[in-house]
Amino acid sequence: MQVYKVGGAVRDRLLGLPVTDVDRVVVGATTEEMLAKGFRPVGADFPVFLHPKTGEEYALARTERKSGRGYGGFTFYASPEVTLEEDLIRRDLTINAMAEDDQLNLTDPYHGQRDLEARILRHVSPAFAEDPLRVLRVARFAARYAGLGFTVADETMGLMRQLSESGELQALTAERSWKEISRALMEDHPQVFIQVLRDCGALKELMPEVDALFGVPQPETHHPEIDTGLHTLSVLEQSSLHKQPLTVRWACLLHDLGKGLTPEEEWPRHIAHEHTGLKLIKAVNERFKAPKDCQELALLVGQYHTHGHRALELKASTLLELLQSFDIYRRPQRFEEFIAACEMDARGRKGLEQRSYPQADYLRGAAKAAREVAVQPLLEQGFKGPELGEALKRERLKALKAYKEAATA
């Protein structure tokens, strides 16, 4: 029985990066032997065990065979006769197909170390094209390691294109897709994830609404980059540079979907794209079963981001409607995330990345003014029920008018 560290733990150690998750493969052992040593089984489809003391994962060396469609369409075979090399060849990329023992002796049958040094993401074997999830995984690794100069090998991109054209991507479950998408959006270069998906034809299959933005022009005065798709990539890039949470990054990706529906004869203007885009944002949200907070923020940012940009021009009554839409009294954090998404949108424009965004502080001040309107004096005046709501609204409007006058004087 021999135990090896495999995959990401080996890859990141060789890159000089922090090692977070450690996976181990066990060669020459049976399920019975693992159980006898106190390991706890967790794998339903194939034998994976948790160490009795550390809780780390140990998997028996295994081979796999394609038996159906999608990510789950595989039959696994684990046996003491399966070699380390046979286990490693079923992995996705050469840089993930290395193993090392406790003395750091490297087993690298598929030249992963060479590809690490060359900064290449390359598939291990033609079996790569049997698993559609690998398209998303490779794009995610491209986003993670773009800062180190990694690119996808041409022949690997060819297999990803083949997978995209095969219809296999449609067999991915919403849960598996979202897991990869959400992790990719939180990488240092999430825009690279979207670009790689587009380059191999997967974006058109998975998110046609986002793919449709490329080649759609916008007014050059507001958008020096002109292309809506490139603008979306820039907004995503800004969201990463400013360390935004997943909710904001998801909203940044989807905020302009309505522009993909604008008739060509109306280009480069996109009148009411905020409203036409809502059905598309809703469709993407539902397709990937995004978490509720991501769904809600994406829809609100899609509908109101131009309000954010025009905040200083808004009438007090419109400003109050905006604040009410976000329920700033009970959910202040959501409005803060909206402001962040608007700022990323403003900065995601060629040559304007460093621009100031005074709308952010103005909106925060407006929210503060509305929140500071006290309910108690109105209760003491005898207001209750719907009448109390109306009186509170009048007082908040009065407070916003005073705030607006003072802030824009």
Protein backbone atom coordinates (compact mmCIF):
# COMPACT_ATOMS: atom_id res chain seq x y z
CA MET A 1 0.00 0.00 0.00
CA GLN A 2 1.57 3.28 -1.18
CA VAL A 3 0.17 6.77 -0.60
CA TYR A 4 0.85 9.78 -2.84
CA LYS A 5 -0.18 13.42 -2.86
CA VAL A 6 -1.74 14.21 -6.23
CA GLY A 7 -3.20 17.04 -8.26
CA GLY A 8 -3.41 20.58 -6.96
CA ALA A 9 -1.22 20.03 -3.89
CA VAL A 10 1.71 18.98 -6.10
CA ARG A 11 1.02 21.60 -8.78
CA ASP A 12 0.82 24.55 -6.39
CA ARG A 13 3.89 23.46 -4.38
CA LEU A 14 5.94 23.38 -7.59
CA LEU A 15 4.58 26.83 -8.52
CA GLY A 16 5.58 28.17 -5.09
CA LEU A 17 1.95 28.89 -4.20
CA PRO A 18 0.17 28.14 -0.90
CA VAL A 19 -1.22 24.60 -0.78
CA THR A 20 -4.77 24.59 0.57
CA ASP A 21 -6.41 21.27 -0.39
CA VAL A 22 -4.45 18.04 -0.21
CA ASP A 23 -5.76 15.00 -2.10
CA ARG A 24 -4.11 11.63 -1.80
CA VAL A 25 -4.29 8.51 -3.92
CA VAL A 26 -3.69 5.05 -2.48
CA VAL A 27 -2.08 2.41 -4.70
CA GLY A 28 -2.18 -1.32 -3.91
CA ALA A 29 -4.98 -1.31 -1.34
CA THR A 30 -8.53 -2.63 -1.10
CA THR A 31 -11.63 -1.10 0.46
CA GLU A 32 -11.45 -3.70 3.22
CA GLU A 33 -7.87 -2.71 4.10
CA MET A 34 -8.83 0.97 4.29
CA LEU A 35 -11.77 0.22 6.58
CA ALA A 36 -9.55 -1.98 8.78
CA LYS A 37 -7.20 0.99 9.26
CA GLY A 38 -10.09 3.14 10.49
CA PHE A 39 -10.73 5.17 7.31
CA ARG A 40 -14.34 6.33 6.83
CA PRO A 41 -15.90 5.82 3.37
CA VAL A 42 -17.53 8.88 1.72
CA GLY A 43 -17.60 8.10 -2.01
CA ALA A 44 -20.85 6.70 -3.35
CA ASP A 45 -19.61 6.21 -6.93
CA PHE A 46 -15.99 5.32 -6.24
CA PRO A 47 -13.93 4.53 -3.13
CA VAL A 48 -12.94 7.73 -1.34
CA PHE A 49 -12.14 7.70 2.37
CA LEU A 50 -11.53 10.19 5.15
CA HIS A 51 -8.45 9.75 7.34
CA PRO A 52 -9.51 8.75 10.89
CA LYS A 53 -7.49 11.59 12.49
CA THR A 54 -6.89 14.38 9.93
CA GLY A 55 -10.16 14.04 7.97
CA GLU A 56 -8.21 14.43 4.68
CA GLU A 57 -9.37 12.57 1.57
CA TYR A 58 -7.71 9.38 0.39
CA ALA A 59 -8.95 7.78 -2.84
CA LEU A 60 -8.10 4.32 -4.13
CA ALA A 61 -6.29 4.37 -7.47
CA ARG A 62 -8.89 3.87 -10.19
CA THR A 63 -9.55 3.83 -13.90
CA GLU A 64 -12.69 5.08 -15.62
CA ARG A 65 -14.68 4.35 -18.75
CA LYS A 66 -17.24 6.53 -20.51
CA SER A 67 -20.69 4.98 -20.12
CA GLY A 68 -23.17 7.81 -20.66
CA ARG A 69 -23.62 11.52 -21.27
CA GLY A 70 -22.34 14.36 -19.14
CA TYR A 71 -20.11 14.72 -16.11
CA GLY A 72 -21.61 11.69 -14.35
CA GLY A 73 -21.55 9.35 -17.35
CA PHE A 74 -18.57 7.24 -16.23
CA THR A 75 -17.98 3.77 -14.81
CA PHE A 76 -15.10 3.57 -12.33
CA TYR A 77 -12.91 0.58 -11.54
CA ALA A 78 -10.76 0.51 -8.41
CA SER A 79 -8.43 -2.37 -7.61
CA PRO A 80 -5.02 -2.99 -5.97
CA GLU A 81 -3.73 -3.76 -9.49
CA VAL A 82 -4.42 -0.23 -10.79
CA THR A 83 -1.09 1.59 -11.09
CA LEU A 84 -0.33 5.20 -10.22
CA GLU A 85 0.25 5.98 -13.91
CA GLU A 86 -3.15 4.50 -14.82
CA ASP A 87 -4.81 6.66 -12.16
CA LEU A 88 -3.03 9.82 -13.32
CA ILE A 89 -3.84 9.40 -17.02
CA ARG A 90 -7.59 9.87 -16.36
CA ARG A 91 -6.98 13.39 -14.98
CA ASP A 92 -7.75 16.53 -16.98
CA LEU A 93 -4.48 18.49 -17.35
CA THR A 94 -0.84 17.43 -17.28
CA ILE A 95 -0.16 19.93 -14.48
CA ASN A 96 -2.81 18.11 -12.40
CA ALA A 97 -1.47 14.63 -13.29
CA MET A 98 1.62 14.62 -11.08
CA ALA A 99 2.12 12.79 -7.80
CA GLU A 100 4.69 12.84 -5.01
CA ASP A 101 5.46 10.65 -2.04
CA ASP A 102 6.25 11.81 1.49
CA GLN A 103 9.91 12.37 0.51
CA LEU A 104 8.75 14.71 -2.32
CA ASN A 105 9.89 12.26 -5.02
CA LEU A 106 7.92 13.33 -8.10
CA THR A 107 6.04 10.95 -10.41
CA ASP A 108 5.37 12.83 -13.64
CA PRO A 109 4.60 10.41 -16.50
CA TYR A 110 2.75 13.01 -18.62
CA HIS A 111 5.26 15.89 -18.40
CA GLY A 112 3.26 18.17 -16.12
CA GLN A 113 6.39 19.82 -14.73
CA ARG A 114 7.52 20.70 -18.24
CA ASP A 115 4.12 22.30 -18.95
CA LEU A 116 4.27 24.16 -15.62
CA GLU A 117 7.56 25.70 -16.68
CA ALA A 118 6.21 26.49 -20.17
CA ARG A 119 3.02 27.95 -18.60
CA ILE A 120 0.78 25.69 -20.70
CA LEU A 121 -2.59 24.16 -19.79
CA ARG A 122 -2.55 20.89 -21.76
CA HIS A 123 -4.83 17.83 -21.62
CA VAL A 124 -3.36 14.52 -20.51
CA SER A 125 -5.03 12.21 -23.03
CA PRO A 126 -7.76 12.15 -25.71
CA ALA A 127 -10.13 10.94 -22.95
CA PHE A 128 -10.28 14.63 -21.96
CA ALA A 129 -13.02 15.04 -24.59
CA GLU A 130 -15.28 12.56 -22.78
CA ASP A 131 -16.06 14.91 -19.87
CA PRO A 132 -17.83 18.21 -20.68
CA LEU A 133 -17.15 19.63 -17.22
CA ARG A 134 -13.48 19.87 -18.21
CA VAL A 135 -14.28 22.77 -20.54
CA LEU A 136 -15.34 24.81 -17.51
CA ARG A 137 -12.44 23.53 -15.40
CA VAL A 138 -9.78 24.47 -17.95
CA ALA A 139 -11.31 27.93 -18.39
CA ARG A 140 -11.26 28.29 -14.58
CA PHE A 141 -7.60 27.29 -14.38
CA ALA A 142 -6.87 29.79 -17.16
CA ALA A 143 -8.52 32.48 -15.00
CA ARG A 144 -6.59 31.39 -11.91
CA TYR A 145 -3.15 31.30 -13.50
CA ALA A 146 -3.44 34.03 -16.14
CA GLY A 147 -1.35 36.31 -13.95
CA LEU A 148 1.51 33.79 -14.16
CA GLY A 149 1.30 33.77 -17.96
CA PHE A 150 -0.55 30.46 -18.46
CA THR A 151 -2.42 29.88 -21.71
CA VAL A 152 -4.45 26.95 -23.07
CA ALA A 153 -2.61 24.66 -25.53
CA ASP A 154 -3.98 24.85 -29.07
CA GLU A 155 -4.71 21.11 -29.20
CA THR A 156 -6.55 21.31 -25.86
CA MET A 157 -8.58 24.25 -27.12
CA GLY A 158 -9.43 22.06 -30.12
CA LEU A 159 -10.85 19.34 -27.85
CA MET A 160 -12.78 21.97 -25.87
CA ARG A 161 -14.24 23.24 -29.14
CA GLN A 162 -15.16 19.66 -30.07
CA LEU A 163 -16.94 19.23 -26.74
CA SER A 164 -18.78 22.54 -27.17
CA GLU A 165 -20.03 21.51 -30.60
CA SER A 166 -21.05 18.01 -29.50
CA GLY A 167 -23.99 19.12 -27.35
CA GLU A 168 -22.43 17.41 -24.30
CA LEU A 169 -22.37 20.69 -22.37
CA GLN A 170 -26.15 20.54 -22.23
CA ALA A 171 -25.85 17.37 -20.13
CA LEU A 172 -24.14 19.25 -17.27
CA THR A 173 -26.30 19.77 -14.21
CA ALA A 174 -27.00 23.29 -12.97
CA GLU A 175 -25.28 22.47 -9.68
CA ARG A 176 -22.00 21.29 -11.25
CA SER A 177 -21.94 24.20 -13.71
CA TRP A 178 -22.60 26.76 -10.97
CA LYS A 179 -19.86 25.31 -8.78
CA GLU A 180 -17.29 25.88 -11.56
CA ILE A 181 -18.71 29.26 -12.64
CA SER A 182 -18.84 30.66 -9.10
CA ARG A 183 -15.29 29.49 -8.35
CA ALA A 184 -14.04 30.93 -11.65
CA LEU A 185 -15.68 34.31 -11.00
CA MET A 186 -13.78 34.50 -7.70
CA GLU A 187 -10.38 33.92 -9.36
CA ASP A 188 -7.92 36.78 -9.92
CA HIS A 189 -8.81 37.08 -13.62
CA PRO A 190 -12.49 36.10 -14.02
CA GLN A 191 -12.65 37.85 -17.39
CA VAL A 192 -10.22 35.23 -18.75
CA PHE A 193 -12.72 32.50 -17.81
CA ILE A 194 -15.40 34.12 -19.99
CA GLN A 195 -12.93 34.80 -22.82
CA VAL A 196 -11.70 31.19 -22.92
CA LEU A 197 -15.29 29.90 -22.91
CA ARG A 198 -16.00 32.19 -25.83
CA ASP A 199 -12.86 31.16 -27.72
CA CYS A 200 -13.87 27.49 -27.64
CA GLY A 201 -17.56 28.07 -28.41
CA ALA A 202 -18.77 27.07 -24.94
CA LEU A 203 -20.09 30.53 -23.97
CA LYS A 204 -22.57 30.37 -26.86
CA GLU A 205 -23.83 27.02 -25.50
CA LEU A 206 -23.88 27.87 -21.79
CA MET A 207 -24.66 31.61 -21.74
CA PRO A 208 -25.82 32.68 -25.20
CA GLU A 209 -27.11 35.91 -23.61
CA VAL A 210 -23.56 36.92 -22.66
CA ASP A 211 -22.05 35.67 -25.93
CA ALA A 212 -24.54 37.86 -27.86
CA LEU A 213 -22.97 41.02 -26.38
CA PHE A 214 -19.76 40.67 -28.39
CA GLY A 215 -19.86 42.75 -31.54
CA VAL A 216 -22.67 44.96 -30.23
CA PRO A 217 -21.53 48.63 -30.26
CA GLN A 218 -22.23 51.31 -27.63
CA PRO A 219 -21.89 55.11 -27.89
CA GLU A 220 -18.16 55.93 -27.94
CA THR A 221 -18.63 59.01 -25.73
CA HIS A 222 -19.65 56.80 -22.79
CA HIS A 223 -17.83 53.64 -23.87
CA PRO A 224 -14.44 54.23 -25.53
CA GLU A 225 -14.09 50.43 -25.86
CA ILE A 226 -17.36 50.47 -27.94
CA ASP A 227 -17.92 46.67 -27.91
CA THR A 228 -20.43 45.61 -25.22
CA GLY A 229 -18.80 42.20 -24.76
CA LEU A 230 -15.37 43.75 -24.18
CA HIS A 231 -16.98 46.20 -21.74
CA THR A 232 -18.46 43.28 -19.79
CA LEU A 233 -15.02 41.64 -19.56
CA SER A 234 -13.54 44.93 -18.31
CA VAL A 235 -16.25 45.31 -15.66
CA LEU A 236 -15.52 41.77 -14.46
CA GLU A 237 -11.82 42.59 -14.34
CA GLN A 238 -12.50 45.67 -12.22
CA SER A 239 -14.67 43.62 -9.86
CA SER A 240 -11.70 41.34 -9.22
CA LEU A 241 -9.16 44.16 -8.86
CA HIS A 242 -11.46 45.72 -6.23
CA LYS A 243 -11.96 42.38 -4.41
CA GLN A 244 -15.73 42.34 -4.83
CA PRO A 245 -17.82 39.41 -3.49
CA LEU A 246 -19.45 36.81 -5.73
CA THR A 247 -22.83 38.61 -5.69
CA VAL A 248 -21.28 41.73 -7.22
CA ARG A 249 -19.22 39.80 -9.78
CA TRP A 250 -22.28 37.85 -10.94
CA ALA A 251 -24.24 41.10 -11.30
CA CYS A 252 -21.33 42.65 -13.24
CA LEU A 253 -21.38 39.75 -15.70
CA LEU A 254 -25.12 40.05 -16.39
CA HIS A 255 -25.84 43.78 -16.01
CA ASP A 256 -25.95 44.68 -19.72
CA LEU A 257 -27.69 41.62 -21.20
CA GLY A 258 -30.49 43.79 -22.57
CA LYS A 259 -28.09 45.38 -25.06
CA GLY A 260 -27.91 42.04 -26.88
CA LEU A 261 -31.60 42.48 -27.78
CA THR A 262 -31.31 45.98 -29.27
CA PRO A 263 -32.24 45.96 -33.01
CA GLU A 264 -29.21 46.78 -35.20
CA GLU A 265 -30.95 49.81 -36.68
CA GLU A 266 -30.98 51.40 -33.20
CA TRP A 267 -27.24 50.85 -32.55
CA PRO A 268 -25.19 52.21 -30.84
CA ARG A 269 -27.98 53.45 -28.52
CA HIS A 270 -29.71 50.99 -26.21
CA ILE A 271 -32.92 52.61 -25.02
CA ALA A 272 -34.59 50.78 -22.10
CA HIS A 273 -32.00 47.98 -22.15
CA GLU A 274 -32.31 47.90 -18.35
CA HIS A 275 -35.87 46.57 -18.64
CA THR A 276 -35.50 44.37 -21.73
CA GLY A 277 -32.55 42.64 -20.07
CA LEU A 278 -34.47 41.51 -16.98
CA LYS A 279 -36.00 38.44 -18.64
CA LEU A 280 -32.55 37.39 -19.84
CA ILE A 281 -30.97 37.87 -16.40
CA LYS A 282 -33.80 35.83 -14.91
CA ALA A 283 -33.24 33.05 -17.47
CA VAL A 284 -29.50 32.81 -16.71
CA ASN A 285 -30.18 32.91 -12.96
CA GLU A 286 -32.60 30.00 -13.27
CA ARG A 287 -30.47 27.99 -15.71
CA PHE A 288 -27.63 27.76 -13.20
CA LYS A 289 -29.78 27.87 -10.04
CA ALA A 290 -27.67 30.73 -8.73
CA PRO A 291 -28.03 31.42 -4.99
CA LYS A 292 -30.89 33.76 -4.08
CA ASP A 293 -28.62 36.69 -3.11
CA CYS A 294 -26.82 36.48 -6.47
CA GLN A 295 -30.11 36.30 -8.36
CA GLU A 296 -31.65 39.27 -6.56
CA LEU A 297 -28.64 41.56 -6.90
CA ALA A 298 -28.19 40.71 -10.60
CA LEU A 299 -31.81 41.66 -11.33
CA LEU A 300 -31.63 44.89 -9.29
CA VAL A 301 -28.32 45.96 -10.86
CA GLY A 302 -29.66 45.15 -14.31
CA GLN A 303 -32.74 47.30 -13.71
CA TYR A 304 -31.20 50.23 -11.86
CA HIS A 305 -27.50 50.59 -12.80
CA THR A 306 -28.19 53.62 -14.99
CA HIS A 307 -30.01 55.18 -12.01
CA GLY A 308 -26.76 54.72 -10.11
CA HIS A 309 -24.76 56.53 -12.79
CA ARG A 310 -27.29 59.39 -12.90
CA ALA A 311 -27.73 59.54 -9.11
CA LEU A 312 -26.84 63.23 -8.81
CA GLU A 313 -29.48 64.14 -11.43
CA LEU A 314 -32.33 62.07 -9.97
CA LYS A 315 -35.35 63.80 -8.47
CA ALA A 316 -35.79 63.19 -4.75
CA SER A 317 -38.92 61.14 -5.48
CA THR A 318 -37.00 58.86 -7.91
CA LEU A 319 -34.19 58.55 -5.39
CA LEU A 320 -36.69 57.45 -2.75
CA GLU A 321 -38.17 54.83 -5.11
CA LEU A 322 -34.66 53.52 -5.75
CA LEU A 323 -33.93 53.21 -2.03
CA GLN A 324 -37.29 51.53 -1.40
CA SER A 325 -36.59 48.99 -4.18
CA PHE A 326 -33.49 47.84 -2.32
CA ASP A 327 -35.20 47.74 1.10
CA ILE A 328 -32.29 49.74 2.51
CA TYR A 329 -33.84 49.80 5.98
CA ARG A 330 -33.67 46.03 6.50
CA ARG A 331 -31.00 45.07 3.93
CA PRO A 332 -28.36 47.83 3.87
CA GLN A 333 -25.64 45.48 2.58
CA ARG A 334 -27.51 44.80 -0.66
CA PHE A 335 -27.59 48.52 -1.50
CA GLU A 336 -23.87 48.74 -0.74
CA GLU A 337 -23.27 45.90 -3.22
CA PHE A 338 -25.40 47.69 -5.81
CA ILE A 339 -23.23 50.81 -5.44
CA ALA A 340 -20.13 48.64 -5.85
CA ALA A 341 -21.48 47.06 -9.06
CA CYS A 342 -22.32 50.50 -10.48
CA GLU A 343 -18.80 51.71 -9.73
CA MET A 344 -17.28 48.64 -11.42
CA ASP A 345 -19.49 49.34 -14.45
CA ALA A 346 -18.26 52.94 -14.58
CA ARG A 347 -14.62 51.87 -14.27
CA GLY A 348 -14.90 49.05 -16.80
CA ARG A 349 -14.35 51.39 -19.73
CA LYS A 350 -11.17 51.79 -21.76
CA GLY A 351 -9.00 54.57 -20.35
CA LEU A 352 -11.47 55.36 -17.54
CA GLU A 353 -10.43 52.66 -15.06
CA GLN A 354 -9.11 55.22 -12.54
CA ARG A 355 -12.04 57.65 -12.82
CA SER A 356 -13.63 58.86 -9.61
CA TYR A 357 -17.21 57.84 -8.88
CA PRO A 358 -18.83 60.55 -6.73
CA GLN A 359 -22.21 58.84 -7.18
CA ALA A 360 -21.12 56.21 -4.61
CA ASP A 361 -20.84 58.61 -1.67
CA TYR A 362 -23.89 60.54 -2.85
CA LEU A 363 -26.02 57.37 -2.81
CA ARG A 364 -24.65 56.35 0.60
CA GLY A 365 -25.54 59.80 1.93
CA ALA A 366 -29.05 59.57 0.50
CA ALA A 367 -29.58 56.17 2.14
CA LYS A 368 -28.34 57.57 5.45
CA ALA A 369 -30.70 60.55 5.20
CA ALA A 370 -33.69 58.29 4.54
CA ARG A 371 -32.77 55.87 7.34
CA GLU A 372 -32.45 58.67 9.88
CA VAL A 373 -36.11 59.63 9.60
CA ALA A 374 -37.53 58.56 12.95
CA VAL A 375 -40.78 56.62 13.25
CA GLN A 376 -41.52 57.47 16.90
CA PRO A 377 -42.65 61.10 16.36
CA LEU A 378 -45.14 59.88 13.74
CA LEU A 379 -46.50 57.24 16.12
CA GLU A 380 -46.89 59.92 18.76
CA GLN A 381 -48.90 61.99 16.27
CA GLY A 382 -51.34 59.08 16.00
CA PHE A 383 -50.36 57.64 12.64
CA LYS A 384 -50.79 53.86 12.25
CA GLY A 385 -51.26 51.22 9.58
CA PRO A 386 -51.17 52.41 5.95
CA GLU A 387 -51.37 56.05 7.10
CA LEU A 388 -48.12 55.59 9.04
CA GLY A 389 -46.47 54.21 5.91
CA GLU A 390 -47.56 57.22 3.88
CA ALA A 391 -46.46 59.69 6.57
CA LEU A 392 -43.07 57.97 6.80
CA LYS A 393 -42.71 58.17 3.03
CA ARG A 394 -43.50 61.93 3.08
CA GLU A 395 -40.91 62.55 5.80
CA ARG A 396 -38.27 60.55 3.94
CA LEU A 397 -39.00 62.45 0.75
CA LYS A 398 -38.63 65.72 2.66
CA ALA A 399 -35.30 64.50 4.09
CA LEU A 400 -34.06 63.52 0.62
CA LYS A 401 -35.01 66.88 -0.85
CA ALA A 402 -33.03 68.63 1.88
CA TYR A 403 -30.11 66.23 1.35
CA LYS A 404 -30.14 66.77 -2.41
CA GLU A 405 -30.16 70.55 -2.06
CA ALA A 406 -27.26 70.50 0.38
CA ALA A 407 -25.21 67.93 -1.57
CA THR A 408 -25.60 69.55 -4.99
CA ALA A 409 -25.48 73.19 -3.92
